[in-house]
């Protein structure tokens, strides 16, 4: 029996999801895309899970859509086809997704990375958008997400040239939060995921949602959204709960400070 094309390892409230087609640079075949969608849907229903680390096995996070398969069977974004719609599957996942970019993240793989909430990278990571060179218009958000993260001029530089972006420059431009030596990447991603998962689950889910919902709005509307949700949430908060939370935060702060 062949190895599964997606590996899932659970460690308490954190799941590590690993794309497992290393010989094909984790190219996003229809089968792999369908398995990723099913995996995130299943983890979203798992009451024990509160955060996910997404990474790839081998030299690549993912080299993007499987162009060999697309040349034989045709190309499909997956929009309207829930079975393979990566963008929809990751968007409906309620918990934080940390992308641990271990190697190449190219075109569709770059888009998959941008679907994550936070990106950490190995020094061996490299990003590239080759849509213009391949002759396919992006449909998973790259043309809109990238410019909002790194600025429109830098996004145009990458997307209209197809050139590679190294990990250190990606960190300097604000695409990834931090860069690690290859063997330190997954431990760092797991640690961050555990930190996030240790928050109150209702607050964790609601806070992620208000950030995402507000980011898609003009600033004034987003501020009004925050105020409205804050007022609604405040109705469920008791003085006793605030005091208990304060004590936990204080103790955690002392521990972190040594």
Protein backbone atom coordinates (compact mmCIF):
# COMPACT_ATOMS: atom_id res chain seq x y z
CA UNK A 1 0.00 0.00 0.00
CA UNK A 2 1.35 3.45 -0.92
CA UNK A 3 1.89 6.14 1.69
CA UNK A 4 -0.98 8.60 2.23
CA UNK A 5 -0.56 11.85 0.30
CA UNK A 6 -1.41 13.87 3.41
CA UNK A 7 0.00 12.98 6.82
CA UNK A 8 -1.74 14.12 10.01
CA UNK A 9 -0.05 14.06 13.40
CA UNK A 10 -1.97 15.21 16.46
CA UNK A 11 -0.32 16.54 19.60
CA UNK A 12 -3.04 17.54 22.04
CA UNK A 13 -4.89 20.53 20.55
CA UNK A 14 -2.42 20.91 17.64
CA UNK A 15 -2.45 18.96 14.37
CA UNK A 16 0.52 18.94 11.99
CA UNK A 17 -0.66 18.41 8.39
CA UNK A 18 2.13 17.42 5.99
CA UNK A 19 1.76 17.29 2.21
CA UNK A 20 3.36 13.98 1.24
CA UNK A 21 4.22 13.87 -2.48
CA UNK A 22 7.92 14.72 -2.08
CA UNK A 23 8.97 13.13 -5.39
CA UNK A 24 6.56 15.48 -7.18
CA UNK A 25 7.51 18.48 -4.99
CA UNK A 26 4.07 18.09 -3.38
CA UNK A 27 2.40 19.26 -6.60
CA UNK A 28 -1.29 19.90 -6.07
CA UNK A 29 -2.97 17.12 -8.02
CA UNK A 30 -6.74 16.86 -7.83
CA UNK A 31 -6.31 13.93 -5.43
CA UNK A 32 -4.03 15.94 -3.14
CA UNK A 33 -6.32 18.96 -3.21
CA UNK A 34 -9.34 16.79 -2.37
CA UNK A 35 -7.43 15.16 0.49
CA UNK A 36 -6.35 18.55 1.89
CA UNK A 37 -9.97 19.74 1.81
CA UNK A 38 -11.24 16.59 3.54
CA UNK A 39 -8.44 16.82 6.10
CA UNK A 40 -9.23 20.40 7.11
CA UNK A 41 -12.96 19.69 7.21
CA UNK A 42 -12.35 16.71 9.48
CA UNK A 43 -10.01 18.69 11.75
CA UNK A 44 -12.59 21.47 11.91
CA UNK A 45 -15.07 18.93 13.30
CA UNK A 46 -12.54 17.48 15.75
CA UNK A 47 -13.46 18.92 19.16
CA UNK A 48 -9.90 18.42 20.45
CA UNK A 49 -8.14 20.49 17.76
CA UNK A 50 -7.49 24.23 18.21
CA UNK A 51 -4.68 24.96 15.72
CA UNK A 52 -2.99 23.43 12.68
CA UNK A 53 0.55 23.54 11.31
CA UNK A 54 0.64 23.04 7.54
CA UNK A 55 3.93 21.99 5.91
CA UNK A 56 5.40 19.85 3.14
CA UNK A 57 7.67 16.83 3.06
CA UNK A 58 10.96 17.05 1.21
CA UNK A 59 12.34 20.02 -0.73
CA UNK A 60 9.03 21.81 -1.28
CA UNK A 61 6.08 23.16 0.62
CA UNK A 62 4.31 22.69 -2.69
CA UNK A 63 5.34 23.53 -6.24
CA UNK A 64 1.74 24.42 -7.09
CA UNK A 65 -0.86 22.85 -9.33
CA UNK A 66 0.22 19.56 -10.91
CA UNK A 67 0.82 20.90 -14.43
CA UNK A 68 1.46 17.44 -15.85
CA UNK A 69 -1.98 16.33 -14.71
CA UNK A 70 -3.50 19.63 -15.89
CA UNK A 71 -1.99 19.08 -19.34
CA UNK A 72 -3.61 15.67 -19.54
CA UNK A 73 -6.98 16.31 -17.89
CA UNK A 74 -7.43 20.07 -18.04
CA UNK A 75 -7.06 22.71 -15.36
CA UNK A 76 -9.71 23.36 -12.71
CA UNK A 77 -9.50 25.94 -9.92
CA UNK A 78 -12.11 24.11 -7.90
CA UNK A 79 -14.41 27.11 -7.49
CA UNK A 80 -17.89 25.64 -7.19
CA UNK A 81 -16.41 22.15 -6.75
CA UNK A 82 -16.30 21.76 -2.99
CA UNK A 83 -14.26 18.57 -3.22
CA UNK A 84 -11.12 20.36 -4.48
CA UNK A 85 -11.69 24.02 -3.52
CA UNK A 86 -8.69 24.70 -1.29
CA UNK A 87 -9.52 28.36 -0.77
CA UNK A 88 -13.00 27.59 0.53
CA UNK A 89 -11.83 24.69 2.70
CA UNK A 90 -9.14 26.69 4.49
CA UNK A 91 -11.38 29.76 4.77
CA UNK A 92 -14.06 27.82 6.63
CA UNK A 93 -11.55 26.22 9.03
CA UNK A 94 -12.27 28.03 12.31
CA UNK A 95 -8.89 27.76 14.05
CA UNK A 96 -5.45 29.30 13.36
CA UNK A 97 -3.41 27.79 10.53
CA UNK A 98 0.36 28.25 10.73
CA UNK A 99 2.18 27.67 7.46
CA UNK A 100 5.62 26.16 8.07
CA UNK A 101 7.22 26.83 4.68
CA UNK A 102 10.00 24.29 4.43
CA UNK A 103 11.02 24.79 0.77
CA UNK A 104 9.60 25.88 -2.57
CA UNK A 105 6.18 27.58 -2.49
CA UNK A 106 5.47 28.25 -6.15
CA UNK A 107 2.39 29.76 -7.83
CA UNK A 108 -0.54 27.64 -6.52
CA UNK A 109 1.73 26.65 -3.64
CA UNK A 110 2.35 30.33 -2.94
CA UNK A 111 -1.41 30.81 -2.90
CA UNK A 112 -1.84 27.92 -0.46
CA UNK A 113 0.74 29.53 1.81
CA UNK A 114 -1.19 32.81 1.69
CA UNK A 115 -4.33 30.99 2.85
CA UNK A 116 -2.61 30.39 6.20
CA UNK A 117 -2.99 32.83 9.09
CA UNK A 118 0.72 33.04 9.95
CA UNK A 119 3.80 32.05 7.93
CA UNK A 120 7.10 30.84 9.35
CA UNK A 121 9.87 29.82 6.97
CA UNK A 122 12.98 27.72 6.72
CA UNK A 123 16.10 29.41 5.35
CA UNK A 124 15.64 27.05 2.41
CA UNK A 125 12.17 28.41 1.58
CA UNK A 126 11.67 30.16 -1.74
CA UNK A 127 8.52 31.82 -3.07
CA UNK A 128 7.59 32.47 -6.70
CA UNK A 129 4.49 33.49 -8.63
CA UNK A 130 4.74 32.15 -12.18
CA UNK A 131 1.10 32.66 -13.19
CA UNK A 132 2.06 35.21 -15.84
CA UNK A 133 4.71 32.88 -17.30
CA UNK A 134 2.48 29.79 -17.26
CA UNK A 135 -0.42 31.74 -18.74
CA UNK A 136 -2.97 31.10 -15.98
CA UNK A 137 -4.77 33.84 -14.07
CA UNK A 138 -4.62 33.31 -10.28
CA UNK A 139 -7.92 32.29 -8.74
CA UNK A 140 -7.06 31.43 -5.15
CA UNK A 141 -6.35 34.94 -3.94
CA UNK A 142 -2.70 35.61 -4.78
CA UNK A 143 -3.33 38.79 -6.79
CA UNK A 144 -5.20 40.34 -3.85
CA UNK A 145 -3.65 38.83 -0.72
CA UNK A 146 -0.01 39.38 -1.67
CA UNK A 147 -0.32 43.12 -2.32
CA UNK A 148 -2.07 43.59 1.01
CA UNK A 149 0.76 41.83 2.81
CA UNK A 150 3.87 43.27 1.18
CA UNK A 151 2.62 46.31 -0.75
CA UNK A 152 1.43 46.66 -4.31
CA UNK A 153 4.81 47.54 -5.83
CA UNK A 154 6.61 44.53 -4.38
CA UNK A 155 3.69 42.27 -5.28
CA UNK A 156 3.86 43.47 -8.88
CA UNK A 157 7.62 42.89 -8.92
CA UNK A 158 7.10 39.25 -7.97
CA UNK A 159 4.00 38.49 -9.99
CA UNK A 160 4.97 40.25 -13.21
CA UNK A 161 8.52 38.84 -13.26
CA UNK A 162 8.05 35.32 -11.93
CA UNK A 163 11.32 35.71 -10.02
CA UNK A 164 12.09 33.84 -6.81
CA UNK A 165 11.94 35.48 -3.38
CA UNK A 166 14.28 34.08 -0.74
CA UNK A 167 13.27 33.54 2.88
CA UNK A 168 15.31 36.40 4.35
CA UNK A 169 13.84 38.92 1.92
CA UNK A 170 10.36 37.48 2.54
CA UNK A 171 10.85 38.15 6.25
CA UNK A 172 12.12 41.69 5.60
CA UNK A 173 9.12 42.40 3.37
CA UNK A 174 6.64 41.10 5.96
CA UNK A 175 5.52 38.02 4.05
CA UNK A 176 6.78 35.63 6.74
CA UNK A 177 7.00 36.39 10.44
CA UNK A 178 10.30 34.64 11.16
CA UNK A 179 12.97 32.51 9.46
CA UNK A 180 14.55 29.45 11.07
CA UNK A 181 17.23 26.89 10.34
CA UNK A 182 15.54 23.92 8.63
CA UNK A 183 15.56 21.63 11.67
CA UNK A 184 14.18 24.39 13.91
CA UNK A 185 11.19 25.28 11.72
CA UNK A 186 8.68 22.64 12.79
CA UNK A 187 9.46 22.90 16.52
CA UNK A 188 8.94 26.67 16.31
CA UNK A 189 5.68 26.25 14.40
CA UNK A 190 4.44 23.67 16.88
CA UNK A 191 5.32 25.96 19.79
CA UNK A 192 3.44 28.89 18.29
CA UNK A 193 0.44 26.65 17.54
CA UNK A 194 0.43 25.40 21.14
CA UNK A 195 0.58 29.01 22.41
CA UNK A 196 -2.45 29.92 20.31
CA UNK A 197 -4.32 26.75 21.25
CA UNK A 198 -3.88 27.55 24.95
CA UNK A 199 -6.21 30.55 24.64
CA UNK A 200 -9.89 30.28 25.50
CA UNK A 201 -11.36 28.39 22.52
CA UNK A 202 -14.39 30.61 22.01
CA UNK A 203 -12.24 33.73 22.16
CA UNK A 204 -9.62 32.21 19.86
CA UNK A 205 -12.17 31.40 17.19
CA UNK A 206 -14.06 34.69 17.49
CA UNK A 207 -10.88 36.79 17.49
CA UNK A 208 -9.60 35.13 14.32
CA UNK A 209 -12.96 35.76 12.70
CA UNK A 210 -13.15 39.45 13.59
CA UNK A 211 -9.61 40.03 12.26
CA UNK A 212 -10.43 38.29 8.99
CA UNK A 213 -13.85 39.89 8.57
CA UNK A 214 -12.50 43.36 9.33
CA UNK A 215 -9.53 42.96 7.00
CA UNK A 216 -11.94 42.59 4.09
CA UNK A 217 -13.65 45.92 4.91
CA UNK A 218 -12.77 49.61 4.68
CA UNK A 219 -11.14 50.74 7.93
CA UNK A 220 -14.12 52.69 9.27
CA UNK A 221 -16.50 49.78 8.74
CA UNK A 222 -14.00 47.41 10.32
CA UNK A 223 -13.74 49.58 13.42
CA UNK A 224 -17.53 49.61 13.73
CA UNK A 225 -17.55 45.83 13.35
CA UNK A 226 -15.05 45.45 16.20
CA UNK A 227 -17.08 47.71 18.49
CA UNK A 228 -20.30 45.82 17.73
CA UNK A 229 -18.76 42.43 18.40
CA UNK A 230 -16.97 43.70 21.50
CA UNK A 231 -20.27 44.93 22.95
CA UNK A 232 -21.94 41.61 22.16
CA UNK A 233 -19.11 39.64 23.72
CA UNK A 234 -19.01 41.82 26.84
CA UNK A 235 -22.52 40.68 27.76
CA UNK A 236 -21.13 37.20 28.45
CA UNK A 237 -18.11 38.33 30.51
CA UNK A 238 -18.33 38.30 34.31
CA UNK A 239 -16.08 40.08 36.79
CA UNK A 240 -15.05 36.70 38.21
CA UNK A 241 -13.99 35.48 34.75
CA UNK A 242 -11.92 38.63 34.18
CA UNK A 243 -10.13 38.19 37.50
CA UNK A 244 -9.39 34.52 36.84
CA UNK A 245 -8.06 35.37 33.40
CA UNK A 246 -5.94 38.20 34.82
CA UNK A 247 -4.29 35.82 37.26
CA UNK A 248 -3.51 33.31 34.51
CA UNK A 249 -2.06 35.99 32.22
CA UNK A 250 0.07 37.40 35.05
CA UNK A 251 1.42 33.96 35.92
CA UNK A 252 2.18 33.20 32.29
CA UNK A 253 3.97 36.53 31.89
CA UNK A 254 6.15 35.83 34.90
CA UNK A 255 7.03 32.41 33.51
CA UNK A 256 7.95 33.84 30.12
CA UNK A 257 10.12 36.49 31.74
CA UNK A 258 11.92 33.81 33.74
